[in-house]
All heavy atoms as atom14 arrays in JSON, in Angstrom:
{
  "sequence": "ARTGAPAGARSPDRLTQRNGYRDRPWDTRVGRIDLSIPKLRKGSYLPT",
  "atom14_mask": [
    [1, 1, 1, 1, 1, 0, 0, 0, 0, 0, 0, 0, 0, 0],
    [1, 1, 1, 1, 1, 1, 1, 1, 1, 1, 1, 0, 0, 0],
    [1, 1, 1, 1, 1, 1, 1, 0, 0, 0, 0, 0, 0, 0],
    [1, 1, 1, 1, 0, 0, 0, 0, 0, 0, 0, 0, 0, 0],
    [1, 1, 1, 1, 1, 0, 0, 0, 0, 0, 0, 0, 0, 0],
    [1, 1, 1, 1, 1, 1, 1, 0, 0, 0, 0, 0, 0, 0],
    [1, 1, 1, 1, 1, 0, 0, 0, 0, 0, 0, 0, 0, 0],
    [1, 1, 1, 1, 0, 0, 0, 0, 0, 0, 0, 0, 0, 0],
    [1, 1, 1, 1, 1, 0, 0, 0, 0, 0, 0, 0, 0, 0],
    [1, 1, 1, 1, 1, 1, 1, 1, 1, 1, 1, 0, 0, 0],
    [1, 1, 1, 1, 1, 1, 0, 0, 0, 0, 0, 0, 0, 0],
    [1, 1, 1, 1, 1, 1, 1, 0, 0, 0, 0, 0, 0, 0],
    [1, 1, 1, 1, 1, 1, 1, 1, 0, 0, 0, 0, 0, 0],
    [1, 1, 1, 1, 1, 1, 1, 1, 1, 1, 1, 0, 0, 0],
    [1, 1, 1, 1, 1, 1, 1, 1, 0, 0, 0, 0, 0, 0],
    [1, 1, 1, 1, 1, 1, 1, 0, 0, 0, 0, 0, 0, 0],
    [1, 1, 1, 1, 1, 1, 1, 1, 1, 0, 0, 0, 0, 0],
    [1, 1, 1, 1, 1, 1, 1, 1, 1, 1, 1, 0, 0, 0],
    [1, 1, 1, 1, 1, 1, 1, 1, 0, 0, 0, 0, 0, 0],
    [1, 1, 1, 1, 0, 0, 0, 0, 0, 0, 0, 0, 0, 0],
    [1, 1, 1, 1, 1, 1, 1, 1, 1, 1, 1, 1, 0, 0],
    [1, 1, 1, 1, 1, 1, 1, 1, 1, 1, 1, 0, 0, 0],
    [1, 1, 1, 1, 1, 1, 1, 1, 0, 0, 0, 0, 0, 0],
    [1, 1, 1, 1, 1, 1, 1, 1, 1, 1, 1, 0, 0, 0],
    [1, 1, 1, 1, 1, 1, 1, 0, 0, 0, 0, 0, 0, 0],
    [1, 1, 1, 1, 1, 1, 1, 1, 1, 1, 1, 1, 1, 1],
    [1, 1, 1, 1, 1, 1, 1, 1, 0, 0, 0, 0, 0, 0],
    [1, 1, 1, 1, 1, 1, 1, 0, 0, 0, 0, 0, 0, 0],
    [1, 1, 1, 1, 1, 1, 1, 1, 1, 1, 1, 0, 0, 0],
    [1, 1, 1, 1, 1, 1, 1, 0, 0, 0, 0, 0, 0, 0],
    [1, 1, 1, 1, 0, 0, 0, 0, 0, 0, 0, 0, 0, 0],
    [1, 1, 1, 1, 1, 1, 1, 1, 1, 1, 1, 0, 0, 0],
    [1, 1, 1, 1, 1, 1, 1, 1, 0, 0, 0, 0, 0, 0],
    [1, 1, 1, 1, 1, 1, 1, 1, 0, 0, 0, 0, 0, 0],
    [1, 1, 1, 1, 1, 1, 1, 1, 0, 0, 0, 0, 0, 0],
    [1, 1, 1, 1, 1, 1, 0, 0, 0, 0, 0, 0, 0, 0],
    [1, 1, 1, 1, 1, 1, 1, 1, 0, 0, 0, 0, 0, 0],
    [1, 1, 1, 1, 1, 1, 1, 0, 0, 0, 0, 0, 0, 0],
    [1, 1, 1, 1, 1, 1, 1, 1, 1, 0, 0, 0, 0, 0],
    [1, 1, 1, 1, 1, 1, 1, 1, 0, 0, 0, 0, 0, 0],
    [1, 1, 1, 1, 1, 1, 1, 1, 1, 1, 1, 0, 0, 0],
    [1, 1, 1, 1, 1, 1, 1, 1, 1, 0, 0, 0, 0, 0],
    [1, 1, 1, 1, 0, 0, 0, 0, 0, 0, 0, 0, 0, 0],
    [1, 1, 1, 1, 1, 1, 0, 0, 0, 0, 0, 0, 0, 0],
    [1, 1, 1, 1, 1, 1, 1, 1, 1, 1, 1, 1, 0, 0],
    [1, 1, 1, 1, 1, 1, 1, 1, 0, 0, 0, 0, 0, 0],
    [1, 1, 1, 1, 1, 1, 1, 0, 0, 0, 0, 0, 0, 0],
    [1, 1, 1, 1, 1, 1, 1, 0, 0, 0, 0, 0, 0, 0]
  ],
  "atom14_positions": [
    [[-11.58, -10.03, 17.79], [-12.96, -9.56, 18.01], [-13.68, -10.43, 19.02], [-14.48, -9.94, 19.82], [-13.71, -9.56, 16.67], [0.0, 0.0, 0.0], [0.0, 0.0, 0.0], [0.0, 0.0, 0.0], [0.0, 0.0, 0.0], [0.0, 0.0, 0.0], [0.0, 0.0, 0.0], [0.0, 0.0, 0.0], [0.0, 0.0, 0.0], [0.0, 0.0, 0.0]],
    [[-13.38, -11.72, 19.02], [-14.04, -12.65, 19.95], [-13.54, -12.44, 21.38], [-14.33, -12.53, 22.33], [-13.78, -14.09, 19.5], [-14.5, -15.16, 20.3], [-15.97, -15.22, 19.98], [-16.19, -15.64, 18.6], [-16.28, -16.91, 18.21], [-16.15, -17.88, 19.11], [-16.5, -17.2, 16.96], [0.0, 0.0, 0.0], [0.0, 0.0, 0.0], [0.0, 0.0, 0.0]],
    [[-12.24, -12.21, 21.56], [-11.67, -12.06, 22.9], [-11.79, -10.65, 23.44], [-11.72, -10.44, 24.65], [-10.19, -12.47, 22.91], [-9.47, -11.65, 21.98], [-10.04, -13.94, 22.51], [0.0, 0.0, 0.0], [0.0, 0.0, 0.0], [0.0, 0.0, 0.0], [0.0, 0.0, 0.0], [0.0, 0.0, 0.0], [0.0, 0.0, 0.0], [0.0, 0.0, 0.0]],
    [[-11.93, -9.67, 22.53], [-12.04, -8.29, 22.97], [-10.72, -7.57, 23.14], [-10.68, -6.42, 23.59], [0.0, 0.0, 0.0], [0.0, 0.0, 0.0], [0.0, 0.0, 0.0], [0.0, 0.0, 0.0], [0.0, 0.0, 0.0], [0.0, 0.0, 0.0], [0.0, 0.0, 0.0], [0.0, 0.0, 0.0], [0.0, 0.0, 0.0], [0.0, 0.0, 0.0]],
    [[-9.6, -8.23, 22.78], [-8.29, -7.61, 22.93], [-7.28, -8.32, 22.03], [-7.43, -9.53, 21.76], [-7.83, -7.66, 24.38], [0.0, 0.0, 0.0], [0.0, 0.0, 0.0], [0.0, 0.0, 0.0], [0.0, 0.0, 0.0], [0.0, 0.0, 0.0], [0.0, 0.0, 0.0], [0.0, 0.0, 0.0], [0.0, 0.0, 0.0], [0.0, 0.0, 0.0]],
    [[-6.21, -7.61, 21.59], [-5.17, -8.27, 20.78], [-4.42, -9.31, 21.6], [-4.46, -9.31, 22.83], [-4.25, -7.1, 20.38], [-5.07, -5.86, 20.58], [-5.99, -6.17, 21.72], [0.0, 0.0, 0.0], [0.0, 0.0, 0.0], [0.0, 0.0, 0.0], [0.0, 0.0, 0.0], [0.0, 0.0, 0.0], [0.0, 0.0, 0.0], [0.0, 0.0, 0.0]],
    [[-3.72, -10.21, 20.91], [-2.95, -11.26, 21.59], [-1.89, -10.65, 22.5], [-1.13, -9.77, 22.1], [-2.28, -12.16, 20.56], [0.0, 0.0, 0.0], [0.0, 0.0, 0.0], [0.0, 0.0, 0.0], [0.0, 0.0, 0.0], [0.0, 0.0, 0.0], [0.0, 0.0, 0.0], [0.0, 0.0, 0.0], [0.0, 0.0, 0.0], [0.0, 0.0, 0.0]],
    [[-1.85, -11.11, 23.76], [-0.85, -10.66, 24.71], [-1.1, -9.32, 25.35], [-0.35, -8.91, 26.24], [0.0, 0.0, 0.0], [0.0, 0.0, 0.0], [0.0, 0.0, 0.0], [0.0, 0.0, 0.0], [0.0, 0.0, 0.0], [0.0, 0.0, 0.0], [0.0, 0.0, 0.0], [0.0, 0.0, 0.0], [0.0, 0.0, 0.0], [0.0, 0.0, 0.0]],
    [[-2.15, -8.62, 24.94], [-2.41, -7.29, 25.47], [-3.26, -7.36, 26.73], [-4.17, -8.17, 26.83], [-3.1, -6.42, 24.42], [0.0, 0.0, 0.0], [0.0, 0.0, 0.0], [0.0, 0.0, 0.0], [0.0, 0.0, 0.0], [0.0, 0.0, 0.0], [0.0, 0.0, 0.0], [0.0, 0.0, 0.0], [0.0, 0.0, 0.0], [0.0, 0.0, 0.0]],
    [[-2.94, -6.49, 27.71], [-3.77, -6.38, 28.9], [-4.88, -5.36, 28.63], [-4.6, -4.24, 28.21], [-2.93, -5.92, 30.11], [-1.87, -6.93, 30.53], [-1.08, -6.39, 31.71], [-0.08, -7.34, 32.15], [-0.31, -8.31, 33.03], [-1.52, -8.44, 33.56], [0.66, -9.13, 33.39], [0.0, 0.0, 0.0], [0.0, 0.0, 0.0], [0.0, 0.0, 0.0]],
    [[-6.09, -5.76, 28.87], [-7.2, -4.87, 28.57], [-8.39, -5.18, 29.48], [-8.72, -6.35, 29.67], [-7.63, -5.01, 27.1], [-8.83, -4.3, 26.86], [0.0, 0.0, 0.0], [0.0, 0.0, 0.0], [0.0, 0.0, 0.0], [0.0, 0.0, 0.0], [0.0, 0.0, 0.0], [0.0, 0.0, 0.0], [0.0, 0.0, 0.0], [0.0, 0.0, 0.0]],
    [[-9.03, -4.14, 30.04], [-10.24, -4.38, 30.86], [-11.42, -4.87, 30.02], [-12.4, -5.37, 30.57], [-10.52, -2.99, 31.47], [-9.9, -2.03, 30.5], [-8.68, -2.71, 29.97], [0.0, 0.0, 0.0], [0.0, 0.0, 0.0], [0.0, 0.0, 0.0], [0.0, 0.0, 0.0], [0.0, 0.0, 0.0], [0.0, 0.0, 0.0], [0.0, 0.0, 0.0]],
    [[-11.31, -4.73, 28.71], [-12.4, -5.16, 27.82], [-12.27, -6.61, 27.39], [-13.11, -7.11, 26.65], [-12.42, -4.26, 26.56], [-12.69, -2.81, 26.9], [-13.46, -2.55, 27.84], [-12.12, -1.93, 26.22], [0.0, 0.0, 0.0], [0.0, 0.0, 0.0], [0.0, 0.0, 0.0], [0.0, 0.0, 0.0], [0.0, 0.0, 0.0], [0.0, 0.0, 0.0]],
    [[-11.2, -7.29, 27.84], [-11.0, -8.67, 27.41], [-12.12, -9.57, 27.92], [-12.49, -9.53, 29.09], [-9.64, -9.18, 27.9], [-9.35, -10.63, 27.49], [-7.98, -11.07, 27.93], [-6.92, -10.38, 27.2], [-6.53, -10.71, 25.98], [-7.13, -11.71, 25.34], [-5.57, -10.04, 25.39], [0.0, 0.0, 0.0], [0.0, 0.0, 0.0], [0.0, 0.0, 0.0]],
    [[-12.65, -10.42, 27.02], [-13.76, -11.3, 27.35], [-13.3, -12.71, 27.72], [-13.93, -13.39, 28.52], [-14.73, -11.38, 26.17], [-15.32, -10.04, 25.7], [-16.15, -10.24, 24.44], [-16.15, -9.42, 26.81], [0.0, 0.0, 0.0], [0.0, 0.0, 0.0], [0.0, 0.0, 0.0], [0.0, 0.0, 0.0], [0.0, 0.0, 0.0], [0.0, 0.0, 0.0]],
    [[-12.2, -13.15, 27.11], [-11.66, -14.47, 27.4], [-10.2, -14.52, 26.96], [-9.72, -13.62, 26.26], [-12.47, -15.58, 26.68], [-11.97, -16.86, 27.09], [-12.34, -15.46, 25.17], [0.0, 0.0, 0.0], [0.0, 0.0, 0.0], [0.0, 0.0, 0.0], [0.0, 0.0, 0.0], [0.0, 0.0, 0.0], [0.0, 0.0, 0.0], [0.0, 0.0, 0.0]],
    [[-9.5, -15.58, 27.38], [-8.09, -15.73, 27.05], [-7.92, -16.76, 25.94], [-8.75, -17.63, 25.73], [-7.32, -16.21, 28.29], [-7.41, -15.28, 29.48], [-6.57, -14.04, 29.31], [-5.62, -14.03, 28.54], [-6.9, -12.99, 30.05], [0.0, 0.0, 0.0], [0.0, 0.0, 0.0], [0.0, 0.0, 0.0], [0.0, 0.0, 0.0], [0.0, 0.0, 0.0]],
    [[-6.81, -16.64, 25.22], [-6.45, -17.67, 24.25], [-5.92, -18.9, 25.0], [-5.48, -18.79, 26.14], [-5.37, -17.15, 23.29], [-5.85, -15.97, 22.45], [-4.75, -15.51, 21.53], [-5.18, -14.36, 20.75], [-4.99, -14.23, 19.44], [-4.39, -15.2, 18.77], [-5.39, -13.15, 18.81], [0.0, 0.0, 0.0], [0.0, 0.0, 0.0], [0.0, 0.0, 0.0]],
    [[-5.95, -20.04, 24.31], [-5.54, -21.27, 24.97], [-4.79, -22.16, 23.98], [-5.13, -23.33, 23.78], [-6.77, -22.0, 25.53], [-6.39, -23.17, 26.42], [-5.34, -23.16, 27.06], [-7.25, -24.18, 26.45], [0.0, 0.0, 0.0], [0.0, 0.0, 0.0], [0.0, 0.0, 0.0], [0.0, 0.0, 0.0], [0.0, 0.0, 0.0], [0.0, 0.0, 0.0]],
    [[-3.76, -21.61, 23.35], [-2.95, -22.39, 22.42], [-3.57, -22.48, 21.04], [-4.43, -21.68, 20.66], [0.0, 0.0, 0.0], [0.0, 0.0, 0.0], [0.0, 0.0, 0.0], [0.0, 0.0, 0.0], [0.0, 0.0, 0.0], [0.0, 0.0, 0.0], [0.0, 0.0, 0.0], [0.0, 0.0, 0.0], [0.0, 0.0, 0.0], [0.0, 0.0, 0.0]],
    [[-3.13, -23.5, 20.29], [-3.6, -23.68, 18.91], [-3.89, -25.15, 18.66], [-3.43, -26.04, 19.37], [-2.52, -23.22, 17.92], [-2.21, -21.75, 17.97], [-1.28, -21.24, 18.88], [-2.85, -20.85, 17.11], [-1.0, -19.87, 18.93], [-2.57, -19.5, 17.15], [-1.65, -19.01, 18.07], [-1.38, -17.67, 18.11], [0.0, 0.0, 0.0], [0.0, 0.0, 0.0]],
    [[-4.69, -25.41, 17.64], [-4.89, -26.77, 17.15], [-4.63, -26.78, 15.65], [-4.97, -25.82, 14.94], [-6.3, -27.28, 17.45], [-7.4, -26.57, 16.7], [-8.77, -27.12, 17.1], [-9.85, -26.47, 16.35], [-10.33, -26.93, 15.21], [-9.84, -28.03, 14.68], [-11.3, -26.3, 14.58], [0.0, 0.0, 0.0], [0.0, 0.0, 0.0], [0.0, 0.0, 0.0]],
    [[-4.02, -27.84, 15.18], [-3.67, -27.95, 13.76], [-4.83, -28.54, 12.98], [-5.52, -29.46, 13.44], [-2.43, -28.83, 13.58], [-1.21, -28.22, 14.24], [-1.12, -26.98, 14.26], [-0.35, -28.98, 14.72], [0.0, 0.0, 0.0], [0.0, 0.0, 0.0], [0.0, 0.0, 0.0], [0.0, 0.0, 0.0], [0.0, 0.0, 0.0], [0.0, 0.0, 0.0]],
    [[-5.04, -28.01, 11.77], [-6.09, -28.55, 10.89], [-5.7, -28.28, 9.44], [-5.35, -27.14, 9.09], [-7.43, -27.91, 11.2], [-8.52, -28.3, 10.2], [-9.89, -27.96, 10.67], [-10.9, -28.24, 9.66], [-12.2, -28.24, 9.87], [-12.66, -28.0, 11.06], [-13.04, -28.48, 8.88], [0.0, 0.0, 0.0], [0.0, 0.0, 0.0], [0.0, 0.0, 0.0]],
    [[-5.75, -29.29, 8.58], [-5.46, -29.07, 7.16], [-6.63, -28.39, 6.47], [-7.79, -28.63, 6.8], [-5.24, -30.49, 6.63], [-6.04, -31.36, 7.53], [-6.0, -30.72, 8.88], [0.0, 0.0, 0.0], [0.0, 0.0, 0.0], [0.0, 0.0, 0.0], [0.0, 0.0, 0.0], [0.0, 0.0, 0.0], [0.0, 0.0, 0.0], [0.0, 0.0, 0.0]],
    [[-6.31, -27.56, 5.49], [-7.33, -26.85, 4.71], [-7.05, -27.12, 3.24], [-6.02, -26.69, 2.7], [-7.27, -25.35, 5.02], [-8.27, -24.53, 4.27], [-9.5, -24.9, 3.85], [-8.11, -23.15, 3.88], [-10.13, -23.86, 3.22], [-9.31, -22.77, 3.22], [-7.1, -22.21, 4.03], [-9.5, -21.49, 2.71], [-7.29, -20.93, 3.52], [-8.48, -20.58, 2.87]],
    [[-7.93, -27.86, 2.6], [-7.77, -28.19, 1.18], [-8.32, -27.06, 0.33], [-9.51, -26.71, 0.42], [-8.49, -29.5, 0.85], [-7.84, -30.69, 1.51], [-6.6, -30.73, 1.52], [-8.56, -31.58, 2.02], [0.0, 0.0, 0.0], [0.0, 0.0, 0.0], [0.0, 0.0, 0.0], [0.0, 0.0, 0.0], [0.0, 0.0, 0.0], [0.0, 0.0, 0.0]],
    [[-7.45, -26.48, -0.51], [-7.84, -25.37, -1.37], [-7.53, -25.72, -2.82], [-6.98, -26.79, -3.12], [-7.07, -24.09, -1.01], [-5.69, -24.24, -1.41], [-7.11, -23.84, 0.5], [0.0, 0.0, 0.0], [0.0, 0.0, 0.0], [0.0, 0.0, 0.0], [0.0, 0.0, 0.0], [0.0, 0.0, 0.0], [0.0, 0.0, 0.0], [0.0, 0.0, 0.0]],
    [[-7.86, -24.83, -3.75], [-7.61, -25.07, -5.17], [-6.13, -25.03, -5.51], [-5.73, -25.44, -6.6], [-8.38, -24.03, -6.0], [-9.88, -24.15, -5.84], [-10.63, -23.02, -6.51], [-10.51, -23.07, -7.96], [-11.13, -22.23, -8.78], [-11.91, -21.28, -8.28], [-10.99, -22.33, -10.08], [0.0, 0.0, 0.0], [0.0, 0.0, 0.0], [0.0, 0.0, 0.0]],
    [[-5.31, -24.52, -4.59], [-3.86, -24.49, -4.85], [-3.12, -25.49, -3.97], [-1.9, -25.42, -3.85], [-3.29, -23.06, -4.64], [-3.81, -22.12, -5.69], [-3.61, -22.55, -3.24], [0.0, 0.0, 0.0], [0.0, 0.0, 0.0], [0.0, 0.0, 0.0], [0.0, 0.0, 0.0], [0.0, 0.0, 0.0], [0.0, 0.0, 0.0], [0.0, 0.0, 0.0]],
    [[-3.87, -26.42, -3.37], [-3.23, -27.43, -2.54], [-3.6, -27.3, -1.08], [-4.4, -26.45, -0.68], [0.0, 0.0, 0.0], [0.0, 0.0, 0.0], [0.0, 0.0, 0.0], [0.0, 0.0, 0.0], [0.0, 0.0, 0.0], [0.0, 0.0, 0.0], [0.0, 0.0, 0.0], [0.0, 0.0, 0.0], [0.0, 0.0, 0.0], [0.0, 0.0, 0.0]],
    [[-3.03, -28.18, -0.27], [-3.34, -28.22, 1.16], [-2.53, -27.18, 1.92], [-1.32, -27.05, 1.73], [-3.07, -29.61, 1.71], [-3.22, -29.74, 3.22], [-3.31, -31.18, 3.66], [-4.56, -31.79, 3.21], [-4.99, -32.98, 3.63], [-4.29, -33.68, 4.49], [-6.13, -33.47, 3.2], [0.0, 0.0, 0.0], [0.0, 0.0, 0.0], [0.0, 0.0, 0.0]],
    [[-3.22, -26.48, 2.82], [-2.6, -25.48, 3.68], [-2.78, -25.93, 5.13], [-3.9, -26.26, 5.54], [-3.22, -24.08, 3.48], [-2.94, -23.59, 2.05], [-2.68, -23.09, 4.5], [-3.64, -22.29, 1.72], [0.0, 0.0, 0.0], [0.0, 0.0, 0.0], [0.0, 0.0, 0.0], [0.0, 0.0, 0.0], [0.0, 0.0, 0.0], [0.0, 0.0, 0.0]],
    [[-1.7, -25.96, 5.89], [-1.76, -26.36, 7.29], [-2.06, -25.14, 8.15], [-1.25, -24.2, 8.23], [-0.44, -27.01, 7.73], [-0.2, -28.33, 7.02], [-1.18, -29.08, 6.83], [0.96, -28.62, 6.64], [0.0, 0.0, 0.0], [0.0, 0.0, 0.0], [0.0, 0.0, 0.0], [0.0, 0.0, 0.0], [0.0, 0.0, 0.0], [0.0, 0.0, 0.0]],
    [[-3.23, -25.14, 8.76], [-3.66, -24.02, 9.59], [-3.37, -24.29, 11.06], [-3.43, -25.43, 11.51], [-5.15, -23.76, 9.43], [-5.67, -23.41, 8.03], [-7.19, -23.32, 8.05], [-5.06, -22.11, 7.54], [0.0, 0.0, 0.0], [0.0, 0.0, 0.0], [0.0, 0.0, 0.0], [0.0, 0.0, 0.0], [0.0, 0.0, 0.0], [0.0, 0.0, 0.0]],
    [[-3.05, -23.24, 11.8], [-2.96, -23.3, 13.26], [-4.09, -22.43, 13.8], [-3.99, -21.19, 13.82], [-1.6, -22.79, 13.75], [-0.57, -23.65, 13.34], [0.0, 0.0, 0.0], [0.0, 0.0, 0.0], [0.0, 0.0, 0.0], [0.0, 0.0, 0.0], [0.0, 0.0, 0.0], [0.0, 0.0, 0.0], [0.0, 0.0, 0.0], [0.0, 0.0, 0.0]],
    [[-5.18, -23.08, 14.2], [-6.39, -22.37, 14.6], [-6.33, -22.05, 16.09], [-6.14, -22.96, 16.91], [-7.64, -23.2, 14.29], [-7.69, -23.52, 12.78], [-8.91, -22.48, 14.73], [-8.84, -24.42, 12.4], [0.0, 0.0, 0.0], [0.0, 0.0, 0.0], [0.0, 0.0, 0.0], [0.0, 0.0, 0.0], [0.0, 0.0, 0.0], [0.0, 0.0, 0.0]],
    [[-6.46, -20.79, 16.47], [-6.42, -20.43, 17.9], [-7.55, -21.09, 18.68], [-8.67, -21.24, 18.18], [-6.58, -18.9, 17.88], [-6.18, -18.48, 16.5], [-6.6, -19.6, 15.61], [0.0, 0.0, 0.0], [0.0, 0.0, 0.0], [0.0, 0.0, 0.0], [0.0, 0.0, 0.0], [0.0, 0.0, 0.0], [0.0, 0.0, 0.0], [0.0, 0.0, 0.0]],
    [[-7.25, -21.49, 19.92], [-8.27, -22.03, 20.82], [-8.53, -21.0, 21.92], [-7.65, -20.21, 22.28], [-7.8, -23.35, 21.44], [-7.61, -24.46, 20.42], [-7.48, -25.82, 21.09], [-6.23, -25.9, 21.95], [-6.03, -27.25, 22.52], [0.0, 0.0, 0.0], [0.0, 0.0, 0.0], [0.0, 0.0, 0.0], [0.0, 0.0, 0.0], [0.0, 0.0, 0.0]],
    [[-9.74, -21.04, 22.48], [-10.13, -20.11, 23.53], [-10.41, -20.86, 24.83], [-10.82, -22.02, 24.81], [-11.38, -19.33, 23.11], [-11.32, -18.61, 21.76], [-12.65, -17.93, 21.48], [-10.18, -17.61, 21.74], [0.0, 0.0, 0.0], [0.0, 0.0, 0.0], [0.0, 0.0, 0.0], [0.0, 0.0, 0.0], [0.0, 0.0, 0.0], [0.0, 0.0, 0.0]],
    [[-10.18, -20.19, 25.96], [-10.47, -20.83, 27.26], [-11.97, -20.97, 27.48], [-12.43, -21.92, 28.11], [-9.85, -20.01, 28.39], [-8.33, -20.04, 28.41], [-7.78, -19.46, 29.69], [-6.32, -19.46, 29.68], [-5.58, -20.51, 29.99], [-6.17, -21.63, 30.34], [-4.26, -20.44, 29.96], [0.0, 0.0, 0.0], [0.0, 0.0, 0.0], [0.0, 0.0, 0.0]],
    [[-12.76, -20.02, 26.96], [-14.21, -20.08, 27.08], [-14.81, -20.02, 25.68], [-14.47, -19.14, 24.9], [-14.75, -18.93, 27.94], [-14.34, -18.99, 29.4], [-14.96, -17.84, 30.17], [-14.56, -17.89, 31.65], [-15.14, -16.74, 32.41], [0.0, 0.0, 0.0], [0.0, 0.0, 0.0], [0.0, 0.0, 0.0], [0.0, 0.0, 0.0], [0.0, 0.0, 0.0]],
    [[-15.72, -20.94, 25.4], [-16.34, -20.96, 24.08], [-15.46, -21.65, 23.06], [-14.42, -22.23, 23.39], [0.0, 0.0, 0.0], [0.0, 0.0, 0.0], [0.0, 0.0, 0.0], [0.0, 0.0, 0.0], [0.0, 0.0, 0.0], [0.0, 0.0, 0.0], [0.0, 0.0, 0.0], [0.0, 0.0, 0.0], [0.0, 0.0, 0.0], [0.0, 0.0, 0.0]],
    [[-15.87, -21.61, 21.82], [-15.13, -22.26, 20.74], [-14.97, -21.29, 19.58], [-15.71, -20.3, 19.46], [-15.86, -23.52, 20.28], [-17.15, -23.21, 19.8], [0.0, 0.0, 0.0], [0.0, 0.0, 0.0], [0.0, 0.0, 0.0], [0.0, 0.0, 0.0], [0.0, 0.0, 0.0], [0.0, 0.0, 0.0], [0.0, 0.0, 0.0], [0.0, 0.0, 0.0]],
    [[-14.01, -21.58, 18.71], [-13.78, -20.74, 17.55], [-13.48, -21.59, 16.34], [-12.65, -22.51, 16.4], [-12.6, -19.78, 17.79], [-12.12, -19.11, 16.52], [-12.92, -18.19, 15.87], [-10.88, -19.43, 15.97], [-12.5, -17.59, 14.68], [-10.46, -18.84, 14.8], [-11.26, -17.92, 14.15], [-10.85, -17.35, 12.99], [0.0, 0.0, 0.0], [0.0, 0.0, 0.0]],
    [[-14.17, -21.33, 15.24], [-13.92, -21.97, 13.96], [-13.9, -20.87, 12.91], [-14.85, -20.08, 12.83], [-14.99, -23.0, 13.63], [-14.72, -23.89, 12.42], [-13.56, -24.85, 12.73], [-15.96, -24.7, 12.06], [0.0, 0.0, 0.0], [0.0, 0.0, 0.0], [0.0, 0.0, 0.0], [0.0, 0.0, 0.0], [0.0, 0.0, 0.0], [0.0, 0.0, 0.0]],
    [[-12.84, -20.76, 12.11], [-12.76, -19.68, 11.11], [-13.97, -19.69, 10.18], [-14.46, -20.75, 9.79], [-11.47, -20.01, 10.35], [-10.65, -20.81, 11.3], [-11.63, -21.6, 12.1], [0.0, 0.0, 0.0], [0.0, 0.0, 0.0], [0.0, 0.0, 0.0], [0.0, 0.0, 0.0], [0.0, 0.0, 0.0], [0.0, 0.0, 0.0], [0.0, 0.0, 0.0]],
    [[-14.44, -18.51, 9.83], [-15.64, -18.4, 9.0], [-15.42, -18.96, 7.6], [-16.39, -19.33, 6.93], [-16.06, -16.92, 8.88], [-14.96, -16.15, 8.37], [-16.48, -16.37, 10.23], [0.0, 0.0, 0.0], [0.0, 0.0, 0.0], [0.0, 0.0, 0.0], [0.0, 0.0, 0.0], [0.0, 0.0, 0.0], [0.0, 0.0, 0.0], [0.0, 0.0, 0.0]]
  ]
}
């Protein structure tokens, strides 16, 4: 929704490109989950 197009798809509606991933641990009630959070070339993204 942020980029305007699915990963790897060519689209005239695309707003920005992905730029790899960054690792971040997520502590939950069932233990730690290792997340790979997508990075963007323009702007920033943090899961809601």
